[in-house]
Structure formats: C-alpha cells, structure tokens
C-alpha cells in the first residue's frame, strides 16, 4: 500500500477529485521547490513546470496568483496593468495565509481564499505540464488545456522578454 499523502498534498488531491479531474498528486523523494528542481525530479523540460507565484497588491493587500511556465519570468509591468494597482513581493506568512500552502508547494487550486489568477499563455503550448501539489515534494501532471477551467484563471501574455 502506498504511503498516504501529507495533509497539504491530500487537500490538493481532494480538490482535484471534487472537480472531477483525473489527476493524481504524487510525492517525490527530492524537492520540487524551484522549476529547475521540479523538472530534474520529474524528467521534463523546465518550461513544462507550471510555477505558482504569489504577488501582493500594494493598495488593497490582495493576493494575486500567477501560473507561469518554469522557463519564463513574469513581466511585472504587464501584470500591474492587468491587476490595476502596484504590486509587491509578499512574505512567506502572507503566502501561507492567502493560499493555505507554503512557498514552493503552492498548487493552482485548493487555496484558502479565492485568488485572482493569471496564466502565462506559453504553458498552453505544451500538451502536458506539471504543477505543485501542496508541498515542496508533491506534484501532479495535467493537460495544459485544463488549467484555465481548473483555476478560473485568465490567460495573459505576461512573459518578460529578454532585454
């Protein structure tokens, strides 16, 4: 019998099951905290990692979730325009309070609060992508086409282009 998932990863699995999605959260022996670590652990391209980044709005203290390709950086000027107010990087306590998860394990769903979500459209150029599963060791594979409906997120051109 397989070891049970940690509670945070089980919360993600429960949300996937409740949404009728056929995906399975797995726990890996090595960390998947960064996109590079995740890609190495899984054996996929860094660009296939759906990294979850949390930003904090400066005026209203809202948490904004950006799900970006692991190979891309986020153009914060474009994101600021989409959100309609200045942004800042939150601390770990803010991330945990708003999402219910620790940095490095924030999944695309099952958050403690509803988050405004923006999805890097580059992710949809891959049939299969990998997302965090609630802990820095848990991930799940999914069809990229399912990400917008799963998250309620808005597709956006938010990739920062090389200077």
N, C-alpha and C. Protein backbone atom coordinates (compact mmCIF):
# COMPACT_ATOMS: atom_id res chain seq x y z
N UNK A 1 0.84 -1.18 0.00
CA UNK A 1 0.00 0.00 0.00
C UNK A 1 0.88 1.24 0.00
N UNK A 2 0.50 2.23 -0.80
CA UNK A 2 1.27 3.46 -0.91
C UNK A 2 1.14 4.28 0.38
N UNK A 3 2.20 5.02 0.68
CA UNK A 3 2.14 5.90 1.84
C UNK A 3 1.10 6.99 1.61
N UNK A 4 0.38 7.37 2.65
CA UNK A 4 -0.60 8.44 2.47
C UNK A 4 0.11 9.77 2.19
N UNK A 5 -0.59 10.64 1.49
CA UNK A 5 -0.04 11.97 1.18
C UNK A 5 -0.05 12.82 2.44
N UNK A 6 0.90 13.76 2.55
CA UNK A 6 0.82 14.74 3.63
C UNK A 6 -0.49 15.52 3.51
N UNK A 7 -0.97 16.09 4.60
CA UNK A 7 -2.28 16.73 4.59
C UNK A 7 -2.42 17.82 3.52
N UNK A 8 -1.38 18.61 3.30
CA UNK A 8 -1.46 19.67 2.28
C UNK A 8 -1.62 19.08 0.88
N UNK A 9 -0.88 18.01 0.59
CA UNK A 9 -1.00 17.35 -0.71
C UNK A 9 -2.35 16.65 -0.84
N UNK A 10 -2.85 16.07 0.25
CA UNK A 10 -4.16 15.43 0.22
C UNK A 10 -5.26 16.45 -0.06
N UNK A 11 -5.10 17.66 0.46
CA UNK A 11 -6.07 18.73 0.20
C UNK A 11 -6.14 19.02 -1.30
N UNK A 12 -4.99 19.01 -1.97
CA UNK A 12 -4.96 19.22 -3.43
C UNK A 12 -5.61 18.05 -4.14
N UNK A 13 -5.29 16.82 -3.72
CA UNK A 13 -5.89 15.65 -4.33
C UNK A 13 -7.41 15.67 -4.16
N UNK A 14 -7.86 16.04 -2.98
CA UNK A 14 -9.31 16.12 -2.73
C UNK A 14 -9.97 17.15 -3.64
N UNK A 15 -9.31 18.28 -3.87
CA UNK A 15 -9.86 19.32 -4.75
C UNK A 15 -9.90 18.82 -6.20
N UNK A 16 -8.87 18.10 -6.63
CA UNK A 16 -8.87 17.52 -7.98
C UNK A 16 -10.01 16.53 -8.13
N UNK A 17 -10.17 15.66 -7.12
CA UNK A 17 -11.25 14.66 -7.15
C UNK A 17 -12.61 15.33 -7.17
N UNK A 18 -12.80 16.35 -6.32
CA UNK A 18 -14.09 17.05 -6.24
C UNK A 18 -14.44 17.74 -7.55
N UNK A 19 -13.40 18.18 -8.29
CA UNK A 19 -13.64 18.84 -9.58
C UNK A 19 -13.81 17.83 -10.71
N UNK A 20 -13.71 16.54 -10.39
CA UNK A 20 -13.86 15.51 -11.41
C UNK A 20 -12.65 15.43 -12.35
N UNK A 21 -11.50 15.89 -11.88
CA UNK A 21 -10.30 15.85 -12.71
C UNK A 21 -9.53 14.57 -12.44
N UNK A 22 -9.01 13.92 -13.48
CA UNK A 22 -8.41 12.60 -13.34
C UNK A 22 -6.93 12.61 -12.93
N UNK A 23 -6.48 13.65 -12.26
CA UNK A 23 -5.06 13.80 -11.96
C UNK A 23 -4.72 13.27 -10.58
N UNK A 24 -3.47 12.82 -10.44
CA UNK A 24 -3.02 12.19 -9.21
C UNK A 24 -1.81 12.93 -8.65
N UNK A 25 -1.92 13.42 -7.43
CA UNK A 25 -0.79 14.05 -6.75
C UNK A 25 0.17 12.95 -6.32
N UNK A 26 1.44 13.17 -6.62
CA UNK A 26 2.47 12.22 -6.20
C UNK A 26 3.51 12.97 -5.36
N UNK A 27 4.14 12.24 -4.47
CA UNK A 27 5.19 12.83 -3.66
C UNK A 27 6.52 12.24 -4.12
N UNK A 28 7.48 13.13 -4.36
CA UNK A 28 8.80 12.71 -4.83
C UNK A 28 9.80 12.75 -3.68
N UNK A 29 10.86 11.97 -3.78
CA UNK A 29 11.86 11.96 -2.70
C UNK A 29 12.73 13.22 -2.67
N UNK A 30 12.80 13.93 -3.80
CA UNK A 30 13.60 15.15 -3.83
C UNK A 30 12.69 16.36 -3.98
N UNK A 31 13.21 17.52 -3.57
CA UNK A 31 12.42 18.74 -3.58
C UNK A 31 12.06 19.20 -4.99
N UNK A 32 10.90 19.81 -5.08
CA UNK A 32 10.43 20.40 -6.34
C UNK A 32 10.13 21.89 -6.10
N UNK A 33 10.84 22.48 -5.14
CA UNK A 33 10.59 23.86 -4.72
C UNK A 33 10.80 24.86 -5.86
N UNK A 34 11.80 24.65 -6.72
CA UNK A 34 12.03 25.54 -7.85
C UNK A 34 11.68 24.81 -9.14
N UNK A 35 11.51 25.56 -10.21
CA UNK A 35 11.18 24.96 -11.50
C UNK A 35 12.28 24.02 -11.97
N UNK A 36 13.53 24.42 -11.77
CA UNK A 36 14.65 23.57 -12.20
C UNK A 36 14.67 22.28 -11.38
N UNK A 37 14.50 22.38 -10.07
CA UNK A 37 14.46 21.17 -9.23
C UNK A 37 13.30 20.27 -9.63
N UNK A 38 12.16 20.87 -9.89
CA UNK A 38 10.99 20.07 -10.27
C UNK A 38 11.23 19.36 -11.59
N UNK A 39 11.75 20.06 -12.58
CA UNK A 39 11.99 19.45 -13.89
C UNK A 39 13.00 18.31 -13.78
N UNK A 40 14.04 18.50 -12.96
CA UNK A 40 15.03 17.44 -12.77
C UNK A 40 14.40 16.23 -12.08
N UNK A 41 13.60 16.48 -11.07
CA UNK A 41 12.97 15.38 -10.32
C UNK A 41 11.98 14.60 -11.19
N UNK A 42 11.26 15.31 -12.05
CA UNK A 42 10.22 14.70 -12.87
C UNK A 42 10.79 14.11 -14.15
N UNK A 43 11.79 14.79 -14.72
CA UNK A 43 12.34 14.37 -16.00
C UNK A 43 11.62 15.02 -17.17
N UNK A 44 11.25 16.28 -16.99
CA UNK A 44 10.58 17.03 -18.07
C UNK A 44 11.37 18.31 -18.34
N UNK A 45 10.91 19.09 -19.30
CA UNK A 45 11.53 20.38 -19.59
C UNK A 45 11.12 21.39 -18.51
N UNK A 46 12.01 22.32 -18.20
CA UNK A 46 11.70 23.36 -17.23
C UNK A 46 10.46 24.15 -17.67
N UNK A 47 10.30 24.34 -18.96
CA UNK A 47 9.16 25.10 -19.49
C UNK A 47 7.83 24.41 -19.22
N UNK A 48 7.84 23.10 -18.92
CA UNK A 48 6.60 22.36 -18.64
C UNK A 48 6.19 22.43 -17.17
N UNK A 49 6.96 23.13 -16.37
CA UNK A 49 6.62 23.31 -14.97
C UNK A 49 5.70 24.53 -14.86
N UNK A 50 4.54 24.34 -14.27
CA UNK A 50 3.59 25.44 -14.04
C UNK A 50 3.89 26.00 -12.65
N UNK A 51 4.76 27.01 -12.61
CA UNK A 51 5.13 27.57 -11.30
C UNK A 51 4.08 28.55 -10.83
N UNK A 52 3.74 28.44 -9.57
CA UNK A 52 2.74 29.31 -8.95
C UNK A 52 3.47 30.41 -8.18
N UNK A 53 3.25 31.64 -8.60
CA UNK A 53 3.86 32.80 -7.96
C UNK A 53 2.78 33.66 -7.35
N UNK A 54 3.00 34.08 -6.13
CA UNK A 54 2.04 34.94 -5.45
C UNK A 54 2.61 36.36 -5.39
N UNK A 55 1.78 37.31 -5.79
CA UNK A 55 2.10 38.73 -5.67
C UNK A 55 1.09 39.34 -4.73
N UNK A 56 1.46 40.44 -4.12
CA UNK A 56 0.57 41.16 -3.20
C UNK A 56 0.31 42.54 -3.78
N UNK A 57 -0.97 42.91 -3.85
CA UNK A 57 -1.28 44.26 -4.33
C UNK A 57 -0.94 45.26 -3.22
N UNK A 58 -0.33 46.36 -3.62
CA UNK A 58 0.17 47.34 -2.64
C UNK A 58 -0.94 48.13 -1.97
N UNK A 59 -2.03 48.36 -2.66
CA UNK A 59 -3.11 49.19 -2.13
C UNK A 59 -4.13 48.39 -1.34
N UNK A 60 -4.58 47.27 -1.90
CA UNK A 60 -5.67 46.52 -1.28
C UNK A 60 -5.24 45.23 -0.59
N UNK A 61 -3.96 44.92 -0.61
CA UNK A 61 -3.43 43.71 0.04
C UNK A 61 -4.07 42.42 -0.46
N UNK A 62 -4.44 42.38 -1.74
CA UNK A 62 -4.97 41.15 -2.33
C UNK A 62 -3.82 40.26 -2.76
N UNK A 63 -4.06 38.97 -2.73
CA UNK A 63 -3.10 38.01 -3.25
C UNK A 63 -3.45 37.74 -4.71
N UNK A 64 -2.45 37.82 -5.56
CA UNK A 64 -2.61 37.55 -6.99
C UNK A 64 -1.77 36.32 -7.31
N UNK A 65 -2.39 35.33 -7.93
CA UNK A 65 -1.68 34.11 -8.33
C UNK A 65 -1.34 34.21 -9.81
N UNK A 66 -0.07 34.01 -10.10
CA UNK A 66 0.39 33.91 -11.48
C UNK A 66 0.92 32.51 -11.67
N UNK A 67 0.39 31.82 -12.67
CA UNK A 67 0.88 30.49 -13.01
C UNK A 67 1.66 30.65 -14.30
N UNK A 68 2.98 30.54 -14.18
CA UNK A 68 3.86 30.81 -15.31
C UNK A 68 4.66 29.58 -15.69
N UNK A 69 5.08 29.54 -16.93
CA UNK A 69 5.99 28.50 -17.36
C UNK A 69 7.28 28.62 -16.57
N UNK A 70 7.81 27.49 -16.14
CA UNK A 70 9.04 27.48 -15.36
C UNK A 70 10.22 28.12 -16.06
N UNK A 71 10.15 28.23 -17.38
CA UNK A 71 11.25 28.84 -18.14
C UNK A 71 11.11 30.35 -18.25
N UNK A 72 9.96 30.88 -17.87
CA UNK A 72 9.68 32.30 -18.07
C UNK A 72 9.76 33.11 -16.79
N UNK A 73 10.10 34.37 -16.94
CA UNK A 73 9.97 35.34 -15.86
C UNK A 73 8.70 36.13 -16.14
N UNK A 74 8.11 36.68 -15.11
CA UNK A 74 6.87 37.44 -15.24
C UNK A 74 7.19 38.91 -15.48
N UNK A 75 6.52 39.49 -16.47
CA UNK A 75 6.64 40.92 -16.72
C UNK A 75 5.72 41.62 -15.73
N UNK A 76 6.30 42.15 -14.67
CA UNK A 76 5.50 42.75 -13.60
C UNK A 76 4.78 44.02 -14.05
N UNK A 77 5.30 44.72 -15.05
CA UNK A 77 4.61 45.91 -15.56
C UNK A 77 3.29 45.52 -16.23
N UNK A 78 3.32 44.43 -17.00
CA UNK A 78 2.08 43.94 -17.63
C UNK A 78 1.12 43.45 -16.56
N UNK A 79 1.63 42.72 -15.58
CA UNK A 79 0.78 42.22 -14.51
C UNK A 79 0.14 43.37 -13.74
N UNK A 80 0.89 44.41 -13.47
CA UNK A 80 0.36 45.59 -12.78
C UNK A 80 -0.80 46.19 -13.57
N UNK A 81 -0.67 46.26 -14.88
CA UNK A 81 -1.75 46.78 -15.72
C UNK A 81 -2.99 45.88 -15.64
N UNK A 82 -2.79 44.58 -15.66
CA UNK A 82 -3.91 43.64 -15.58
C UNK A 82 -4.63 43.76 -14.24
N UNK A 83 -3.85 43.91 -13.17
CA UNK A 83 -4.40 43.95 -11.81
C UNK A 83 -4.99 45.32 -11.49
N UNK A 84 -4.39 46.36 -12.04
CA UNK A 84 -4.91 47.72 -11.83
C UNK A 84 -4.36 48.43 -10.61
N UNK A 85 -3.28 47.91 -10.04
CA UNK A 85 -2.63 48.59 -8.93
C UNK A 85 -1.20 48.07 -8.78
N UNK A 86 -0.37 48.81 -8.06
CA UNK A 86 1.02 48.37 -7.88
C UNK A 86 1.09 47.04 -7.13
N UNK A 87 2.19 46.35 -7.36
CA UNK A 87 2.41 45.03 -6.77
C UNK A 87 3.69 45.00 -5.97
N UNK A 88 3.73 44.08 -5.02
CA UNK A 88 4.95 43.85 -4.27
C UNK A 88 5.11 42.37 -4.02
N UNK A 89 6.31 41.97 -3.64
CA UNK A 89 6.54 40.57 -3.31
C UNK A 89 6.12 40.34 -1.87
N UNK A 90 5.28 39.36 -1.63
CA UNK A 90 4.81 39.09 -0.26
C UNK A 90 5.81 38.27 0.54
N UNK A 91 5.64 38.27 1.84
CA UNK A 91 6.47 37.40 2.66
C UNK A 91 5.79 36.03 2.77
N UNK A 92 6.51 35.09 3.35
CA UNK A 92 6.03 33.70 3.44
C UNK A 92 4.74 33.59 4.23
N UNK A 93 4.58 34.42 5.27
CA UNK A 93 3.36 34.37 6.08
C UNK A 93 2.13 34.78 5.26
N UNK A 94 2.27 35.82 4.44
CA UNK A 94 1.17 36.27 3.58
C UNK A 94 0.78 35.15 2.61
N UNK A 95 1.78 34.53 1.98
CA UNK A 95 1.52 33.44 1.03
C UNK A 95 0.76 32.31 1.71
N UNK A 96 1.22 31.92 2.87
CA UNK A 96 0.56 30.81 3.58
C UNK A 96 -0.86 31.19 4.02
N UNK A 97 -1.03 32.42 4.50
CA UNK A 97 -2.36 32.87 4.93
C UNK A 97 -3.36 32.88 3.78
N UNK A 98 -2.94 33.41 2.62
CA UNK A 98 -3.86 33.56 1.50
C UNK A 98 -4.09 32.27 0.71
N UNK A 99 -3.06 31.41 0.67
CA UNK A 99 -3.20 30.19 -0.14
C UNK A 99 -3.46 28.95 0.70
N UNK A 100 -2.95 28.94 1.93
CA UNK A 100 -3.02 27.74 2.76
C UNK A 100 -1.84 26.81 2.53
N UNK A 101 -0.86 27.26 1.74
CA UNK A 101 0.29 26.43 1.38
C UNK A 101 1.58 27.21 1.56
N UNK A 102 2.69 26.47 1.70
CA UNK A 102 4.00 27.11 1.83
C UNK A 102 4.57 27.42 0.45
N UNK A 103 5.44 28.43 0.42
CA UNK A 103 6.15 28.76 -0.82
C UNK A 103 6.89 27.51 -1.29
N UNK A 104 6.82 27.25 -2.57
CA UNK A 104 7.46 26.06 -3.13
C UNK A 104 6.51 24.89 -3.26
N UNK A 105 5.30 25.04 -2.70
CA UNK A 105 4.31 23.98 -2.80
C UNK A 105 2.94 24.49 -3.19
N UNK A 106 2.84 25.79 -3.55
CA UNK A 106 1.53 26.39 -3.86
C UNK A 106 0.98 25.78 -5.15
N UNK A 107 -0.15 25.11 -5.06
CA UNK A 107 -0.76 24.49 -6.24
C UNK A 107 -1.64 25.51 -7.00
N UNK A 108 -2.14 25.12 -8.15
CA UNK A 108 -3.01 26.03 -8.90
C UNK A 108 -4.46 26.07 -8.40
N UNK A 109 -4.81 25.23 -7.42
CA UNK A 109 -6.18 25.19 -6.90
C UNK A 109 -6.15 24.83 -5.42
N UNK A 110 -7.31 24.81 -4.79
CA UNK A 110 -7.48 24.41 -3.38
C UNK A 110 -6.94 25.43 -2.39
N UNK A 111 -7.02 26.70 -2.76
CA UNK A 111 -6.48 27.75 -1.89
C UNK A 111 -7.42 28.10 -0.74
N UNK A 112 -6.85 28.68 0.30
CA UNK A 112 -7.61 29.09 1.48
C UNK A 112 -8.60 30.22 1.14
N UNK A 113 -8.23 31.07 0.18
CA UNK A 113 -9.07 32.18 -0.25
C UNK A 113 -9.11 32.20 -1.77
N UNK A 114 -10.16 32.78 -2.33
CA UNK A 114 -10.24 32.93 -3.78
C UNK A 114 -9.17 33.92 -4.22
N UNK A 115 -8.41 33.54 -5.24
CA UNK A 115 -7.33 34.38 -5.73
C UNK A 115 -7.60 34.82 -7.17
N UNK A 116 -7.33 36.07 -7.48
CA UNK A 116 -7.31 36.49 -8.88
C UNK A 116 -6.13 35.78 -9.51
N UNK A 117 -6.37 35.10 -10.63
CA UNK A 117 -5.35 34.23 -11.21
C UNK A 117 -5.11 34.58 -12.67
N UNK A 118 -3.83 34.65 -13.01
CA UNK A 118 -3.40 34.91 -14.39
C UNK A 118 -2.48 33.77 -14.80
N UNK A 119 -2.69 33.28 -16.03
CA UNK A 119 -1.95 32.13 -16.54
C UNK A 119 -1.10 32.55 -17.72
N UNK A 120 0.17 32.27 -17.64
CA UNK A 120 1.12 32.50 -18.73
C UNK A 120 0.67 31.65 -19.93
N UNK A 121 0.31 32.32 -21.01
CA UNK A 121 -0.22 31.59 -22.16
C UNK A 121 0.79 30.63 -22.77
N UNK A 122 2.07 30.80 -22.49
CA UNK A 122 3.08 29.87 -23.00
C UNK A 122 2.85 28.44 -22.50
N UNK A 123 2.25 28.29 -21.33
CA UNK A 123 2.00 26.95 -20.79
C UNK A 123 1.12 26.12 -21.71
N UNK A 124 0.22 26.77 -22.42
CA UNK A 124 -0.70 26.04 -23.28
C UNK A 124 -0.06 25.53 -24.57
N UNK A 125 1.21 25.87 -24.79
CA UNK A 125 1.91 25.34 -25.96
C UNK A 125 2.40 23.91 -25.71
N UNK A 126 2.27 23.43 -24.46
CA UNK A 126 2.63 22.06 -24.10
C UNK A 126 1.36 21.28 -23.83
N UNK A 127 1.29 20.06 -24.33
CA UNK A 127 0.13 19.22 -24.05
C UNK A 127 0.06 18.87 -22.57
N UNK A 128 1.21 18.54 -22.02
CA UNK A 128 1.30 18.09 -20.64
C UNK A 128 2.20 19.01 -19.84
N UNK A 129 1.74 19.40 -18.66
CA UNK A 129 2.54 20.23 -17.76
C UNK A 129 2.48 19.62 -16.36
N UNK A 130 3.30 20.15 -15.45
CA UNK A 130 3.36 19.68 -14.08
C UNK A 130 3.18 20.85 -13.15
N UNK A 131 2.39 20.67 -12.10
CA UNK A 131 2.13 21.73 -11.13
C UNK A 131 2.44 21.24 -9.72
N UNK A 132 2.67 22.20 -8.83
CA UNK A 132 2.91 21.86 -7.42
C UNK A 132 1.66 21.21 -6.84
N UNK A 133 1.90 20.28 -5.92
CA UNK A 133 0.81 19.52 -5.33
C UNK A 133 0.60 19.78 -3.85
N UNK A 134 1.00 20.97 -3.37
CA UNK A 134 0.70 21.32 -1.98
C UNK A 134 1.87 21.31 -1.03
N UNK A 135 2.97 20.65 -1.41
CA UNK A 135 4.19 20.66 -0.60
C UNK A 135 5.37 20.82 -1.56
N UNK A 136 6.55 21.15 -1.05
CA UNK A 136 7.73 21.25 -1.93
C UNK A 136 8.21 19.90 -2.48
N UNK A 137 7.51 18.82 -2.16
CA UNK A 137 7.86 17.49 -2.68
C UNK A 137 6.73 16.87 -3.50
N UNK A 138 5.59 17.53 -3.58
CA UNK A 138 4.41 16.96 -4.25
C UNK A 138 4.11 17.70 -5.55
N UNK A 139 3.75 16.93 -6.57
CA UNK A 139 3.43 17.47 -7.89
C UNK A 139 2.30 16.66 -8.50
N UNK A 140 1.71 17.21 -9.56
CA UNK A 140 0.80 16.41 -10.37
C UNK A 140 0.91 16.84 -11.81
N UNK A 141 0.71 15.87 -12.68
CA UNK A 141 0.75 16.11 -14.12
C UNK A 141 -0.66 16.42 -14.58
N UNK A 142 -0.79 17.35 -15.52
CA UNK A 142 -2.11 17.67 -16.06
C UNK A 142 -2.01 18.11 -17.51
N UNK A 143 -3.15 18.07 -18.18
CA UNK A 143 -3.24 18.60 -19.53
C UNK A 143 -3.32 20.11 -19.43
N UNK A 144 -2.47 20.81 -20.13
CA UNK A 144 -2.44 22.27 -20.02
C UNK A 144 -3.78 22.89 -20.36
N UNK A 145 -4.53 22.28 -21.26
CA UNK A 145 -5.83 22.82 -21.66
C UNK A 145 -6.82 22.88 -20.49
N UNK A 146 -6.57 22.09 -19.43
CA UNK A 146 -7.46 22.07 -18.27
C UNK A 146 -7.15 23.18 -17.26
N UNK A 147 -6.00 23.81 -17.39
CA UNK A 147 -5.57 24.79 -16.38
C UNK A 147 -6.51 25.99 -16.24
N UNK A 148 -6.96 26.63 -17.32
CA UNK A 148 -7.86 27.78 -17.14
C UNK A 148 -9.15 27.45 -16.40
N UNK A 149 -9.81 26.36 -16.76
CA UNK A 149 -11.05 25.99 -16.08
C UNK A 149 -10.79 25.56 -14.64
N UNK A 150 -9.69 24.86 -14.41
CA UNK A 150 -9.34 24.38 -13.07
C UNK A 150 -9.13 25.54 -12.11
N UNK A 151 -8.56 26.63 -12.60
CA UNK A 151 -8.18 27.75 -11.74
C UNK A 151 -9.12 28.93 -11.81
N UNK A 152 -9.95 28.99 -12.86
CA UNK A 152 -10.73 30.20 -13.11
C UNK A 152 -9.83 31.34 -13.56
N UNK A 153 -8.62 30.99 -14.00
CA UNK A 153 -7.62 32.00 -14.36
C UNK A 153 -7.80 32.57 -15.75
N UNK A 154 -7.23 33.73 -15.91
CA UNK A 154 -7.27 34.45 -17.18
C UNK A 154 -5.94 34.24 -17.91
N UNK A 155 -6.01 33.79 -19.16
CA UNK A 155 -4.79 33.66 -19.96
C UNK A 155 -4.25 35.05 -20.28
N UNK A 156 -2.93 35.20 -20.20
CA UNK A 156 -2.32 36.50 -20.44
C UNK A 156 -0.92 36.35 -21.00
N UNK A 157 -0.52 37.34 -21.76
CA UNK A 157 0.87 37.43 -22.25
C UNK A 157 1.66 38.15 -21.18
N UNK A 158 2.17 37.39 -20.24
CA UNK A 158 2.85 38.00 -19.10
C UNK A 158 4.34 37.64 -19.03
N UNK A 159 4.84 37.01 -20.08
CA UNK A 159 6.24 36.62 -20.10
C UNK A 159 7.11 37.85 -20.28
N UNK A 160 8.14 37.95 -19.47
CA UNK A 160 9.09 39.04 -19.60
C UNK A 160 10.05 38.67 -20.72
N UNK A 161 10.14 39.53 -21.71
CA UNK A 161 11.02 39.26 -22.85
C UNK A 161 12.45 39.65 -22.50
N UNK A 162 13.42 38.93 -23.06
CA UNK A 162 14.83 39.27 -22.77
C UNK A 162 15.13 40.68 -23.24
N UNK A 163 15.97 41.38 -22.46
CA UNK A 163 16.30 42.77 -22.86
C UNK A 163 17.45 42.80 -23.82
